C-alpha atoms as a PDB file:
ATOM      1  CA  MET A   1      66.193 103.854  46.256  1.00  0.00           C
ATOM      2  CA  ASN A   2      63.712 104.967  48.470  1.00  0.00           C
ATOM      3  CA  PRO A   3      65.380 106.957  51.361  1.00  0.00           C
ATOM      4  CA  LEU A   4      63.011 105.649  53.522  1.00  0.00           C
ATOM      5  CA  LEU A   5      62.116 101.844  53.455  1.00  0.00           C
ATOM      6  CA  ASN A   6      60.035 100.459  56.153  1.00  0.00           C
ATOM      7  CA  ASN A   7      60.415 103.648  58.392  1.00  0.00           C
ATOM      8  CA  VAL A   8      64.423 103.107  57.973  1.00  0.00           C
ATOM      9  CA  GLU A   9      66.810 105.390  56.493  1.00  0.00           C
ATOM     10  CA  TYR A  10      69.573 104.177  55.335  1.00  0.00           C
ATOM     11  CA  LYS A  11      72.944 106.227  55.253  1.00  0.00           C
ATOM     12  CA  THR A  12      75.650 104.718  52.760  1.00  0.00           C
ATOM     13  CA  SER A  13      79.198 104.060  53.380  1.00  0.00           C
ATOM     14  CA  ALA A  14      82.405 102.512  51.917  1.00  0.00           C
ATOM     15  CA  TYR A  15      85.486 101.434  53.307  1.00  0.00           C
ATOM     16  CA  LEU A  16      89.058 101.350  52.344  1.00  0.00           C
ATOM     17  CA  PHE A  17      91.479  98.853  53.331  1.00  0.00           C
ATOM     18  CA  ALA A  18      88.889  96.471  55.035  1.00  0.00           C
ATOM     19  CA  ALA A  19      91.034  94.158  55.698  1.00  0.00           C
ATOM     20  CA  PHE A  20      88.894  91.304  57.632  1.00  0.00           C
ATOM     21  CA  GLY A  21      85.743  93.065  57.797  1.00  0.00           C
ATOM     22  CA  GLY A  22      85.422  94.362  61.904  1.00  0.00           C
ATOM     23  CA  ALA A  23      84.617  97.844  61.071  1.00  0.00           C
ATOM     24  CA  THR A  24      82.226  97.009  58.301  1.00  0.00           C
ATOM     25  CA  ALA A  25      80.489  94.071  60.587  1.00  0.00           C
ATOM     26  CA  GLY A  26      80.265  96.990  63.412  1.00  0.00           C
ATOM     27  CA  ALA A  27      79.028  99.279  60.792  1.00  0.00           C
ATOM     28  CA  MET A  28      76.236  97.124  59.357  1.00  0.00           C
ATOM     29  CA  ARG A  29      74.957  96.435  62.906  1.00  0.00           C
ATOM     30  CA  THR A  30      74.656 100.037  63.739  1.00  0.00           C
ATOM     31  CA  LYS A  31      71.341 101.538  64.072  1.00  0.00           C
ATOM     32  CA  TRP A  32      70.243 104.833  65.799  1.00  0.00           C
ATOM     33  CA  ASN A  33      66.761 106.371  66.403  1.00  0.00           C
ATOM     34  CA  THR A  34      65.939 109.863  65.344  1.00  0.00           C
ATOM     35  CA  ALA A  35      62.457 111.858  65.939  1.00  0.00           C
ATOM     36  CA  ILE A  36      61.033 110.531  62.614  1.00  0.00           C
ATOM     37  CA  CYS A  37      62.753 106.983  62.039  1.00  0.00           C
ATOM     38  CA  CYS A  38      65.444 104.812  62.626  1.00  0.00           C
ATOM     39  CA  THR A  39      68.674 105.156  60.681  1.00  0.00           C
ATOM     40  CA  SER A  40      71.133 102.293  59.630  1.00  0.00           C
ATOM     41  CA  LEU A  41      74.079 102.492  57.756  1.00  0.00           C
ATOM     42  CA  MET A  42      74.359 100.651  54.138  1.00  0.00           C
ATOM     43  CA  VAL A  43      78.077  99.320  53.328  1.00  0.00           C
ATOM     44  CA  LEU A  44      78.146  99.790  49.239  1.00  0.00           C
ATOM     45  CA  TYR A  45      81.481  98.391  48.819  1.00  0.00           C
ATOM     46  CA  THR A  46      84.863  97.880  50.859  1.00  0.00           C
ATOM     47  CA  ILE A  47      88.519  97.952  48.971  1.00  0.00           C
ATOM     48  CA  ASP A  48      91.422  96.052  50.024  1.00  0.00           C
ATOM     49  CA  SER A  49      94.548  94.874  47.937  1.00  0.00           C
ATOM     50  CA  ASP A  50      94.869  91.316  49.004  1.00  0.00           C
ATOM     51  CA  PRO A  51      92.119  89.110  47.597  1.00  0.00           C
ATOM     52  CA  THR A  52      92.274  86.402  50.335  1.00  0.00           C
ATOM     53  CA  LYS A  53      91.365  89.275  52.965  1.00  0.00           C
ATOM     54  CA  SER A  54      88.445  90.384  50.421  1.00  0.00           C
ATOM     55  CA  ARG A  55      87.206  86.835  50.203  1.00  0.00           C
ATOM     56  CA  ASN A  56      87.383  86.417  54.289  1.00  0.00           C
ATOM     57  CA  HIS A  57      85.807  89.748  54.723  1.00  0.00           C
ATOM     58  CA  ASP A  58      82.904  88.444  52.552  1.00  0.00           C
ATOM     59  CA  LEU A  59      82.575  85.357  54.896  1.00  0.00           C
ATOM     60  CA  ILE A  60      82.832  87.235  58.157  1.00  0.00           C
ATOM     61  CA  THR A  61      80.316  89.942  57.133  1.00  0.00           C
ATOM     62  CA  GLY A  62      77.819  87.801  54.992  1.00  0.00           C
ATOM     63  CA  GLU A  63      77.958  90.499  52.374  1.00  0.00           C
ATOM     64  CA  GLU A  64      79.476  90.323  48.955  1.00  0.00           C
ATOM     65  CA  THR A  65      80.852  93.951  49.250  1.00  0.00           C
ATOM     66  CA  SER A  66      84.605  93.618  49.017  1.00  0.00           C
ATOM     67  CA  VAL A  67      86.890  94.417  45.943  1.00  0.00           C
ATOM     68  CA  SER A  68      90.253  93.466  45.845  1.00  0.00           C
ATOM     69  CA  MET A  69      92.089  96.609  44.013  1.00  0.00           C
ATOM     70  CA  ASP A  70      95.787  98.022  44.237  1.00  0.00           C
ATOM     71  CA  LEU A  71      95.160 101.419  45.039  1.00  0.00           C
ATOM     72  CA  PHE A  72      98.696 102.458  44.427  1.00  0.00           C
ATOM     73  CA  GLU A  73      99.755 100.498  41.388  1.00  0.00           C
ATOM     74  CA  ARG A  74     101.985 102.292  38.791  1.00  0.00           C
ATOM     75  CA  TRP A  75     101.341 102.087  35.217  1.00  0.00           C
END
């Protein structure tokens, strides 16, 4: 992916324990200007152990970035 697309530089982020998506929604709206271009955050994925929270997260943020995964599952 081109780091400068339409004069916008995208920084990537990922969130653990994302819950309902408040931090993700805020990060997706974040933009800051530098001397060369505008910079914005692109959320790659979010992880939560509760599938219901993952579905609600996608509904609230409008993006399908949520993954339901138990990071502490013992085999």
